[in-house]
Amino acid sequence: MSSSSPYPSNWKELSLELKKKANWTCQKCGRKCIEPGQKVPEDWTVSKRMAYTLQTHHWDRDPSNSSEDN
């Protein structure tokens, strides 16, 4: 972790690995999301693309807790 960020320096890598492990599927709603480089229909709006973009969050809302089950 850097002194200016609560996230570990390898956060991008950790996040990517967790998304891969989840098969790009939201663990809350079960939605299959867009994988990097995956083409989406041209008529999709920015809002729709964002709705299908998987994000990584901390269940306990503590960004310094990067345990896999969090």
C-alpha atoms as a PDB file:
ATOM      1  CA  MET A   1       0.000   0.000   0.000  1.00  0.00           C
ATOM      2  CA  SER A   2       1.230   3.489  -0.687  1.00  0.00           C
ATOM      3  CA  SER A   3       0.851   6.114   1.976  1.00  0.00           C
ATOM      4  CA  SER A   4      -1.689   7.988  -0.164  1.00  0.00           C
ATOM      5  CA  SER A   5      -3.926   5.032  -1.022  1.00  0.00           C
ATOM      6  CA  PRO A   6      -5.676   2.458   1.163  1.00  0.00           C
ATOM      7  CA  TYR A   7      -5.420  -0.060  -1.707  1.00  0.00           C
ATOM      8  CA  PRO A   8      -2.418  -2.368  -2.126  1.00  0.00           C
ATOM      9  CA  SER A   9       0.011  -1.515  -4.930  1.00  0.00           C
ATOM     10  CA  ASN A  10      -1.097  -4.620  -6.856  1.00  0.00           C
ATOM     11  CA  TRP A  11      -4.817  -3.832  -6.622  1.00  0.00           C
ATOM     12  CA  LYS A  12      -5.384  -3.891 -10.401  1.00  0.00           C
ATOM     13  CA  GLU A  13      -3.898  -7.378 -10.624  1.00  0.00           C
ATOM     14  CA  LEU A  14      -5.853  -8.627  -7.589  1.00  0.00           C
ATOM     15  CA  SER A  15      -9.071  -7.210  -8.986  1.00  0.00           C
ATOM     16  CA  LEU A  16      -8.510  -8.799 -12.405  1.00  0.00           C
ATOM     17  CA  GLU A  17      -7.771 -12.204 -10.872  1.00  0.00           C
ATOM     18  CA  LEU A  18     -10.947 -12.091  -8.767  1.00  0.00           C
ATOM     19  CA  LYS A  19     -13.038 -11.178 -11.811  1.00  0.00           C
ATOM     20  CA  LYS A  20     -11.530 -14.076 -13.757  1.00  0.00           C
ATOM     21  CA  LYS A  21     -12.158 -16.448 -10.848  1.00  0.00           C
ATOM     22  CA  ALA A  22     -15.803 -15.302 -10.789  1.00  0.00           C
ATOM     23  CA  ASN A  23     -16.016 -15.947 -14.554  1.00  0.00           C
ATOM     24  CA  TRP A  24     -16.899 -12.275 -15.050  1.00  0.00           C
ATOM     25  CA  THR A  25     -20.167 -12.806 -13.161  1.00  0.00           C
ATOM     26  CA  CYS A  26     -21.497 -10.446 -10.496  1.00  0.00           C
ATOM     27  CA  GLN A  27     -21.481 -12.195  -7.123  1.00  0.00           C
ATOM     28  CA  LYS A  28     -24.428 -10.101  -5.928  1.00  0.00           C
ATOM     29  CA  CYS A  29     -26.930 -10.372  -8.813  1.00  0.00           C
ATOM     30  CA  GLY A  30     -25.493 -13.145 -10.979  1.00  0.00           C
ATOM     31  CA  ARG A  31     -25.230 -11.003 -14.122  1.00  0.00           C
ATOM     32  CA  LYS A  32     -22.633 -12.141 -16.656  1.00  0.00           C
ATOM     33  CA  CYS A  33     -20.550  -9.064 -17.443  1.00  0.00           C
ATOM     34  CA  ILE A  34     -18.375  -7.863 -20.303  1.00  0.00           C
ATOM     35  CA  GLU A  35     -14.870  -9.296 -20.430  1.00  0.00           C
ATOM     36  CA  PRO A  36     -11.923  -7.139 -21.538  1.00  0.00           C
ATOM     37  CA  GLY A  37     -11.841  -6.923 -25.319  1.00  0.00           C
ATOM     38  CA  GLN A  38     -15.316  -8.418 -25.689  1.00  0.00           C
ATOM     39  CA  LYS A  39     -17.390  -6.743 -28.396  1.00  0.00           C
ATOM     40  CA  VAL A  40     -20.784  -5.381 -27.415  1.00  0.00           C
ATOM     41  CA  PRO A  41     -23.670  -4.486 -29.711  1.00  0.00           C
ATOM     42  CA  GLU A  42     -23.205  -1.107 -31.388  1.00  0.00           C
ATOM     43  CA  ASP A  43     -26.584   0.108 -30.160  1.00  0.00           C
ATOM     44  CA  TRP A  44     -25.601  -0.259 -26.492  1.00  0.00           C
ATOM     45  CA  THR A  45     -25.510   3.077 -24.712  1.00  0.00           C
ATOM     46  CA  VAL A  46     -22.702   4.069 -22.380  1.00  0.00           C
ATOM     47  CA  SER A  47     -25.104   3.446 -19.487  1.00  0.00           C
ATOM     48  CA  LYS A  48     -25.795  -0.094 -20.637  1.00  0.00           C
ATOM     49  CA  ARG A  49     -22.082  -0.826 -21.095  1.00  0.00           C
ATOM     50  CA  MET A  50     -21.428   0.472 -17.582  1.00  0.00           C
ATOM     51  CA  ALA A  51     -24.237  -1.717 -16.223  1.00  0.00           C
ATOM     52  CA  TYR A  52     -22.437  -4.744 -17.687  1.00  0.00           C
ATOM     53  CA  THR A  53     -18.956  -3.719 -16.519  1.00  0.00           C
ATOM     54  CA  LEU A  54     -17.889  -5.818 -13.554  1.00  0.00           C
ATOM     55  CA  GLN A  55     -16.395  -3.937 -10.612  1.00  0.00           C
ATOM     56  CA  THR A  56     -14.565  -5.216  -7.584  1.00  0.00           C
ATOM     57  CA  HIS A  57     -15.782  -4.109  -4.167  1.00  0.00           C
ATOM     58  CA  HIS A  58     -14.883  -4.956  -0.592  1.00  0.00           C
ATOM     59  CA  TRP A  59     -17.789  -6.606   1.230  1.00  0.00           C
ATOM     60  CA  ASP A  60     -16.684  -4.953   4.480  1.00  0.00           C
ATOM     61  CA  ARG A  61     -16.047  -1.601   2.721  1.00  0.00           C
ATOM     62  CA  ASP A  62     -12.455  -1.588   3.954  1.00  0.00           C
ATOM     63  CA  PRO A  63     -10.112  -1.151   0.952  1.00  0.00           C
ATOM     64  CA  SER A  64      -7.123  -2.159   3.056  1.00  0.00           C
ATOM     65  CA  ASN A  65      -8.655  -5.618   3.609  1.00  0.00           C
ATOM     66  CA  SER A  66      -7.711  -7.462   0.433  1.00  0.00           C
ATOM     67  CA  SER A  67      -8.365 -10.985   1.637  1.00  0.00           C
ATOM     68  CA  GLU A  68      -9.892 -13.126  -1.108  1.00  0.00           C
ATOM     69  CA  ASP A  69     -13.146 -13.688   0.796  1.00  0.00           C
ATOM     70  CA  ASN A  70     -13.660  -9.943   1.153  1.00  0.00           C
END
